[in-house]
PDB file of N, CA and C in Angstrom:
ATOM      1  N   UNK A   1      -7.136   7.502  -9.659  1.00  0.00           N
ATOM      2  CA  UNK A   1      -7.093   6.677  -8.631  1.00  0.00           C
ATOM      3  C   UNK A   1      -7.779   5.184  -8.855  1.00  0.00           C
ATOM      4  N   UNK A   2      -7.009   4.298  -8.402  1.00  0.00           N
ATOM      5  CA  UNK A   2      -7.443   2.859  -8.804  1.00  0.00           C
ATOM      6  C   UNK A   2      -7.792   2.293  -7.542  1.00  0.00           C
ATOM      7  N   UNK A   3      -8.998   1.514  -7.654  1.00  0.00           N
ATOM      8  CA  UNK A   3      -9.612   0.911  -6.480  1.00  0.00           C
ATOM      9  C   UNK A   3      -8.815  -0.581  -6.267  1.00  0.00           C
ATOM     10  N   UNK A   4      -8.560  -1.049  -5.128  1.00  0.00           N
ATOM     11  CA  UNK A   4      -8.161  -2.414  -4.856  1.00  0.00           C
ATOM     12  C   UNK A   4      -9.153  -2.975  -3.803  1.00  0.00           C
ATOM     13  N   UNK A   5      -9.594  -4.205  -4.198  1.00  0.00           N
ATOM     14  CA  UNK A   5     -10.573  -4.857  -3.141  1.00  0.00           C
ATOM     15  C   UNK A   5      -9.673  -5.832  -2.632  1.00  0.00           C
ATOM     16  N   UNK A   6      -9.863  -5.832  -1.104  1.00  0.00           N
ATOM     17  CA  UNK A   6      -9.061  -6.936  -0.437  1.00  0.00           C
ATOM     18  C   UNK A   6     -10.014  -8.007  -0.006  1.00  0.00           C
ATOM     19  N   UNK A   7      -9.509  -9.158  -0.097  1.00  0.00           N
ATOM     20  CA  UNK A   7     -10.333 -10.365   0.506  1.00  0.00           C
ATOM     21  C   UNK A   7     -10.197 -10.428   1.933  1.00  0.00           C
ATOM     22  N   UNK A   8      -8.964 -10.099   2.514  1.00  0.00           N
ATOM     23  CA  UNK A   8      -8.968 -10.040   4.042  1.00  0.00           C
ATOM     24  C   UNK A   8      -8.132  -8.875   4.350  1.00  0.00           C
ATOM     25  N   UNK A   9      -8.357  -8.415   5.710  1.00  0.00           N
ATOM     26  CA  UNK A   9      -7.633  -7.188   6.094  1.00  0.00           C
ATOM     27  C   UNK A   9      -7.374  -7.457   7.704  1.00  0.00           C
ATOM     28  N   UNK A  10      -6.309  -6.822   8.015  1.00  0.00           N
ATOM     29  CA  UNK A  10      -5.464  -5.805   7.357  1.00  0.00           C
ATOM     30  C   UNK A  10      -4.396  -6.632   6.542  1.00  0.00           C
ATOM     31  N   UNK A  11      -3.583  -5.842   5.570  1.00  0.00           N
ATOM     32  CA  UNK A  11      -2.785  -6.302   4.696  1.00  0.00           C
ATOM     33  C   UNK A  11      -1.381  -5.319   5.139  1.00  0.00           C
ATOM     34  N   UNK A  12      -0.154  -5.995   5.188  1.00  0.00           N
ATOM     35  CA  UNK A  12       0.938  -5.113   5.500  1.00  0.00           C
ATOM     36  C   UNK A  12       1.452  -4.220   4.148  1.00  0.00           C
ATOM     37  N   UNK A  13       1.752  -3.073   4.297  1.00  0.00           N
ATOM     38  CA  UNK A  13       1.832  -2.046   3.273  1.00  0.00           C
ATOM     39  C   UNK A  13       2.791  -2.594   2.157  1.00  0.00           C
ATOM     40  N   UNK A  14       4.010  -3.167   2.756  1.00  0.00           N
ATOM     41  CA  UNK A  14       4.988  -3.591   1.644  1.00  0.00           C
ATOM     42  C   UNK A  14       4.361  -4.688   0.561  1.00  0.00           C
ATOM     43  N   UNK A  15       3.463  -5.522   1.116  1.00  0.00           N
ATOM     44  CA  UNK A  15       2.987  -6.506   0.405  1.00  0.00           C
ATOM     45  C   UNK A  15       2.050  -6.005  -0.671  1.00  0.00           C
ATOM     46  N   UNK A  16       1.171  -4.834  -0.300  1.00  0.00           N
ATOM     47  CA  UNK A  16       0.460  -4.264  -1.274  1.00  0.00           C
ATOM     48  C   UNK A  16       1.175  -3.754  -2.348  1.00  0.00           C
ATOM     49  N   UNK A  17       2.201  -3.022  -2.194  1.00  0.00           N
ATOM     50  CA  UNK A  17       3.162  -2.478  -3.257  1.00  0.00           C
ATOM     51  C   UNK A  17       3.580  -3.605  -4.216  1.00  0.00           C
ATOM     52  N   UNK A  18       4.204  -4.626  -3.531  1.00  0.00           N
ATOM     53  CA  UNK A  18       4.660  -5.677  -4.396  1.00  0.00           C
ATOM     54  C   UNK A  18       3.646  -6.339  -5.033  1.00  0.00           C
ATOM     55  N   UNK A  19       2.417  -6.918  -4.525  1.00  0.00           N
ATOM     56  CA  UNK A  19       1.695  -7.609  -5.274  1.00  0.00           C
ATOM     57  C   UNK A  19       0.900  -6.798  -6.254  1.00  0.00           C
ATOM     58  N   UNK A  20       0.622  -5.310  -6.177  1.00  0.00           N
ATOM     59  CA  UNK A  20       0.058  -4.709  -7.040  1.00  0.00           C
ATOM     60  C   UNK A  20       0.915  -4.089  -8.165  1.00  0.00           C
ATOM     61  N   UNK A  21       2.228  -4.580  -8.348  1.00  0.00           N
ATOM     62  CA  UNK A  21       3.079  -4.130  -9.130  1.00  0.00           C
ATOM     63  C   UNK A  21       3.786  -2.620  -9.108  1.00  0.00           C
ATOM     64  N   UNK A  22       3.603  -2.103  -7.882  1.00  0.00           N
ATOM     65  CA  UNK A  22       4.149  -0.750  -7.885  1.00  0.00           C
ATOM     66  C   UNK A  22       5.588  -0.939  -7.394  1.00  0.00           C
ATOM     67  N   UNK A  23       6.028  -1.671  -6.874  1.00  0.00           N
ATOM     68  CA  UNK A  23       7.363  -2.252  -6.813  1.00  0.00           C
ATOM     69  C   UNK A  23       7.769  -3.485  -7.337  1.00  0.00           C
ATOM     70  N   UNK A  24       9.030  -3.480  -7.762  1.00  0.00           N
ATOM     71  CA  UNK A  24       9.340  -4.898  -8.539  1.00  0.00           C
ATOM     72  C   UNK A  24       9.476  -6.196  -7.618  1.00  0.00           C
ATOM     73  N   UNK A  25       9.812  -5.945  -6.344  1.00  0.00           N
ATOM     74  CA  UNK A  25      10.071  -6.930  -5.436  1.00  0.00           C
ATOM     75  C   UNK A  25       9.559  -6.583  -3.867  1.00  0.00           C
ATOM     76  N   UNK A  26       9.665  -7.358  -2.942  1.00  0.00           N
ATOM     77  CA  UNK A  26       9.348  -7.022  -1.580  1.00  0.00           C
ATOM     78  C   UNK A  26      10.339  -6.053  -1.024  1.00  0.00           C
ATOM     79  N   UNK A  27      11.688  -6.491  -1.480  1.00  0.00           N
ATOM     80  CA  UNK A  27      12.849  -5.706  -1.123  1.00  0.00           C
ATOM     81  C   UNK A  27      12.758  -4.227  -1.613  1.00  0.00           C
ATOM     82  N   UNK A  28      12.323  -4.107  -2.843  1.00  0.00           N
ATOM     83  CA  UNK A  28      12.216  -2.921  -3.477  1.00  0.00           C
ATOM     84  C   UNK A  28      11.048  -2.000  -2.689  1.00  0.00           C
ATOM     85  N   UNK A  29       9.996  -2.861  -2.315  1.00  0.00           N
ATOM     86  CA  UNK A  29       8.869  -2.066  -1.637  1.00  0.00           C
ATOM     87  C   UNK A  29       9.412  -1.572  -0.363  1.00  0.00           C
ATOM     88  N   UNK A  30      10.020  -2.602   0.392  1.00  0.00           N
ATOM     89  CA  UNK A  30      10.529  -2.048   1.682  1.00  0.00           C
ATOM     90  C   UNK A  30      11.514  -0.790   1.551  1.00  0.00           C
ATOM     91  N   UNK A  31      12.311  -0.985   0.564  1.00  0.00           N
ATOM     92  CA  UNK A  31      13.229   0.327   0.437  1.00  0.00           C
ATOM     93  C   UNK A  31      12.571   1.647   0.131  1.00  0.00           C
ATOM     94  N   UNK A  32      11.638   1.482  -0.693  1.00  0.00           N
ATOM     95  CA  UNK A  32      10.582   2.707  -0.986  1.00  0.00           C
ATOM     96  C   UNK A  32      10.105   3.318   0.274  1.00  0.00           C
ATOM     97  N   UNK A  33       9.720   2.322   0.989  1.00  0.00           N
ATOM     98  CA  UNK A  33       8.951   2.767   2.216  1.00  0.00           C
ATOM     99  C   UNK A  33       9.791   3.463   3.103  1.00  0.00           C
ATOM    100  N   UNK A  34      11.091   2.785   3.345  1.00  0.00           N
ATOM    101  CA  UNK A  34      12.112   3.207   4.327  1.00  0.00           C
ATOM    102  C   UNK A  34      12.617   4.664   3.776  1.00  0.00           C
ATOM    103  N   UNK A  35      12.650   4.847   2.599  1.00  0.00           N
ATOM    104  CA  UNK A  35      12.992   6.222   1.883  1.00  0.00           C
ATOM    105  C   UNK A  35      12.031   7.297   2.012  1.00  0.00           C
ATOM    106  N   UNK A  36      10.816   7.045   2.656  1.00  0.00           N
ATOM    107  CA  UNK A  36       9.771   7.962   2.784  1.00  0.00           C
ATOM    108  C   UNK A  36       9.239   8.372   1.333  1.00  0.00           C
ATOM    109  N   UNK A  37       9.098   7.390   0.608  1.00  0.00           N
ATOM    110  CA  UNK A  37       8.585   7.664  -0.888  1.00  0.00           C
ATOM    111  C   UNK A  37       7.035   7.205  -0.947  1.00  0.00           C
ATOM    112  N   UNK A  38       6.488   6.672   0.206  1.00  0.00           N
ATOM    113  CA  UNK A  38       5.214   6.188   0.158  1.00  0.00           C
ATOM    114  C   UNK A  38       4.278   7.013   1.148  1.00  0.00           C
ATOM    115  N   UNK A  39       3.022   7.165   0.696  1.00  0.00           N
ATOM    116  CA  UNK A  39       2.212   7.884   1.644  1.00  0.00           C
ATOM    117  C   UNK A  39       0.961   7.107   1.999  1.00  0.00           C
ATOM    118  N   UNK A  40       0.376   7.133   3.034  1.00  0.00           N
ATOM    119  CA  UNK A  40      -0.869   6.425   3.441  1.00  0.00           C
ATOM    120  C   UNK A  40      -1.740   7.462   4.022  1.00  0.00           C
ATOM    121  N   UNK A  41      -2.810   7.828   3.401  1.00  0.00           N
ATOM    122  CA  UNK A  41      -3.838   8.775   3.899  1.00  0.00           C
ATOM    123  C   UNK A  41      -3.390  10.258   3.876  1.00  0.00           C
ATOM    124  N   UNK A  42      -2.380  10.332   2.925  1.00  0.00           N
ATOM    125  CA  UNK A  42      -1.839  11.776   2.802  1.00  0.00           C
ATOM    126  C   UNK A  42      -0.628  12.169   3.744  1.00  0.00           C
ATOM    127  N   UNK A  43      -0.082  11.051   4.517  1.00  0.00           N
ATOM    128  CA  UNK A  43       0.971  11.288   5.398  1.00  0.00           C
ATOM    129  C   UNK A  43       2.103  10.134   5.024  1.00  0.00           C
ATOM    130  N   UNK A  44       3.343  10.652   4.958  1.00  0.00           N
ATOM    131  CA  UNK A  44       4.538  10.077   4.674  1.00  0.00           C
ATOM    132  C   UNK A  44       4.570   8.811   5.743  1.00  0.00           C
ATOM    133  N   UNK A  45       4.704   7.492   5.143  1.00  0.00           N
ATOM    134  CA  UNK A  45       4.686   6.347   5.981  1.00  0.00           C
ATOM    135  C   UNK A  45       6.156   5.509   5.846  1.00  0.00           C
ATOM    136  N   UNK A  46       6.646   5.251   6.914  1.00  0.00           N
ATOM    137  CA  UNK A  46       8.008   4.660   6.967  1.00  0.00           C
ATOM    138  C   UNK A  46       7.976   3.185   7.457  1.00  0.00           C
ATOM    139  N   UNK A  47       6.888   2.734   7.967  1.00  0.00           N
ATOM    140  CA  UNK A  47       6.725   1.497   8.588  1.00  0.00           C
ATOM    141  C   UNK A  47       6.438   0.466   7.454  1.00  0.00           C
ATOM    142  N   UNK A  48       7.227  -0.439   7.194  1.00  0.00           N
ATOM    143  CA  UNK A  48       7.026  -1.464   6.014  1.00  0.00           C
ATOM    144  C   UNK A  48       6.031  -2.303   6.519  1.00  0.00           C
ATOM    145  N   UNK A  49       5.799  -2.562   7.826  1.00  0.00           N
ATOM    146  CA  UNK A  49       4.739  -3.624   8.078  1.00  0.00           C
ATOM    147  C   UNK A  49       3.393  -2.862   8.656  1.00  0.00           C
ATOM    148  N   UNK A  50       3.275  -1.570   8.180  1.00  0.00           N
ATOM    149  CA  UNK A  50       1.988  -0.799   8.484  1.00  0.00           C
ATOM    150  C   UNK A  50       0.862  -1.632   8.129  1.00  0.00           C
ATOM    151  N   UNK A  51       0.011  -1.796   8.937  1.00  0.00           N
ATOM    152  CA  UNK A  51      -1.332  -2.579   8.673  1.00  0.00           C
ATOM    153  C   UNK A  51      -2.265  -1.519   7.765  1.00  0.00           C
ATOM    154  N   UNK A  52      -2.575  -2.054   6.765  1.00  0.00           N
ATOM    155  CA  UNK A  52      -3.483  -1.337   5.785  1.00  0.00           C
ATOM    156  C   UNK A  52      -4.802  -2.023   5.794  1.00  0.00           C
ATOM    157  N   UNK A  53      -6.089  -1.299   5.886  1.00  0.00           N
ATOM    158  CA  UNK A  53      -7.304  -1.682   5.997  1.00  0.00           C
ATOM    159  C   UNK A  53      -8.036  -0.833   5.028  1.00  0.00           C
ATOM    160  N   UNK A  54      -9.322  -1.480   4.781  1.00  0.00           N
ATOM    161  CA  UNK A  54     -10.322  -0.732   3.923  1.00  0.00           C
ATOM    162  C   UNK A  54     -10.471   0.646   4.152  1.00  0.00           C
ATOM    163  N   UNK A  55     -10.512   1.537   3.142  1.00  0.00           N
ATOM    164  CA  UNK A  55     -10.659   2.903   3.369  1.00  0.00           C
ATOM    165  C   UNK A  55      -9.388   3.713   3.300  1.00  0.00           C
ATOM    166  N   UNK A  56      -8.084   2.973   3.411  1.00  0.00           N
ATOM    167  CA  UNK A  56      -6.915   3.669   3.362  1.00  0.00           C
ATOM    168  C   UNK A  56      -6.690   3.997   2.050  1.00  0.00           C
ATOM    169  N   UNK A  57      -5.911   5.067   1.659  1.00  0.00           N
ATOM    170  CA  UNK A  57      -5.361   5.529   0.470  1.00  0.00           C
ATOM    171  C   UNK A  57      -3.923   5.448   0.285  1.00  0.00           C
ATOM    172  N   UNK A  58      -3.142   4.716  -0.604  1.00  0.00           N
ATOM    173  CA  UNK A  58      -1.802   4.536  -0.827  1.00  0.00           C
ATOM    174  C   UNK A  58      -1.222   5.504  -1.917  1.00  0.00           C
ATOM    175  N   UNK A  59      -0.300   6.267  -1.797  1.00  0.00           N
ATOM    176  CA  UNK A  59       0.236   7.099  -2.765  1.00  0.00           C
ATOM    177  C   UNK A  59       1.649   6.712  -3.077  1.00  0.00           C
ATOM    178  N   UNK A  60       2.083   6.285  -4.319  1.00  0.00           N
ATOM    179  CA  UNK A  60       3.511   5.843  -4.394  1.00  0.00           C
ATOM    180  C   UNK A  60       3.769   5.991  -5.932  1.00  0.00           C
ATOM    181  N   UNK A  61       4.970   6.711  -6.397  1.00  0.00           N
ATOM    182  CA  UNK A  61       5.326   6.800  -7.607  1.00  0.00           C
ATOM    183  C   UNK A  61       4.221   7.250  -8.630  1.00  0.00           C
ATOM    184  N   UNK A  62       3.542   8.198  -8.262  1.00  0.00           N
ATOM    185  CA  UNK A  62       2.481   8.793  -9.177  1.00  0.00           C
ATOM    186  C   UNK A  62       1.226   8.191  -9.165  1.00  0.00           C
ATOM    187  N   UNK A  63       1.097   6.957  -8.441  1.00  0.00           N
ATOM    188  CA  UNK A  63      -0.211   6.205  -8.457  1.00  0.00           C
ATOM    189  C   UNK A  63      -0.850   6.282  -7.078  1.00  0.00           C
ATOM    190  N   UNK A  64      -2.189   6.176  -7.176  1.00  0.00           N
ATOM    191  CA  UNK A  64      -3.111   6.184  -6.097  1.00  0.00           C
ATOM    192  C   UNK A  64      -3.776   4.832  -5.904  1.00  0.00           C
ATOM    193  N   UNK A  65      -3.772   4.149  -4.669  1.00  0.00           N
ATOM    194  CA  UNK A  65      -4.781   3.030  -4.695  1.00  0.00           C
ATOM    195  C   UNK A  65      -5.712   3.370  -3.600  1.00  0.00           C
ATOM    196  N   UNK A  66      -6.928   3.099  -3.688  1.00  0.00           N
ATOM    197  CA  UNK A  66      -8.064   3.063  -2.692  1.00  0.00           C
ATOM    198  C   UNK A  66      -8.305   1.674  -2.224  1.00  0.00           C
ATOM    199  N   UNK A  67      -8.154   1.546  -0.892  1.00  0.00           N
ATOM    200  CA  UNK A  67      -8.380  -0.002  -0.485  1.00  0.00           C
ATOM    201  C   UNK A  67      -9.942  -0.101  -0.110  1.00  0.00           C
ATOM    202  N   UNK A  68     -10.571  -1.260  -0.610  1.00  0.00           N
ATOM    203  CA  UNK A  68     -11.741  -1.487  -0.453  1.00  0.00           C
ATOM    204  C   UNK A  68     -11.900  -2.903   0.122  1.00  0.00           C
ATOM    205  N   UNK A  69     -13.020  -3.433   0.764  1.00  0.00           N
ATOM    206  CA  UNK A  69     -13.018  -4.741   1.393  1.00  0.00           C
ATOM    207  C   UNK A  69     -14.227  -5.454   0.567  1.00  0.00           C
ATOM    208  N   UNK A  70     -13.961  -6.674   0.310  1.00  0.00           N
ATOM    209  CA  UNK A  70     -14.816  -7.597  -0.526  1.00  0.00           C
ATOM    210  C   UNK A  70     -15.896  -7.915   0.362  1.00  0.00           C
ATOM    211  N   UNK A  71     -17.058  -7.618  -0.029  1.00  0.00           N
ATOM    212  CA  UNK A  71     -18.556  -8.050   0.662  1.00  0.00           C
ATOM    213  C   UNK A  71     -18.553  -9.356   0.971  1.00  0.00           C
ATOM    214  N   UNK A  72     -18.884  -9.685   2.221  1.00  0.00           N
ATOM    215  CA  UNK A  72     -18.956 -11.157   2.652  1.00  0.00           C
ATOM    216  C   UNK A  72     -20.162 -11.673   2.113  1.00  0.00           C
TER     217      UNK A  72
END
């Protein structure tokens, strides 16, 4: 599992997949989510704009990301 530290929250799910290189583009990220290939906290997530916050765990394509928030 890889930790990802957020500067601000919440962040939309598809943006995390895109910016962390788990999907090649925003369109690919949205397609993966629509196709029920992404899990958030152990539950299949099909909402592209699902708000992700610190403590959430994203699973996609064999990778796991745990979201943390940067200390202010």
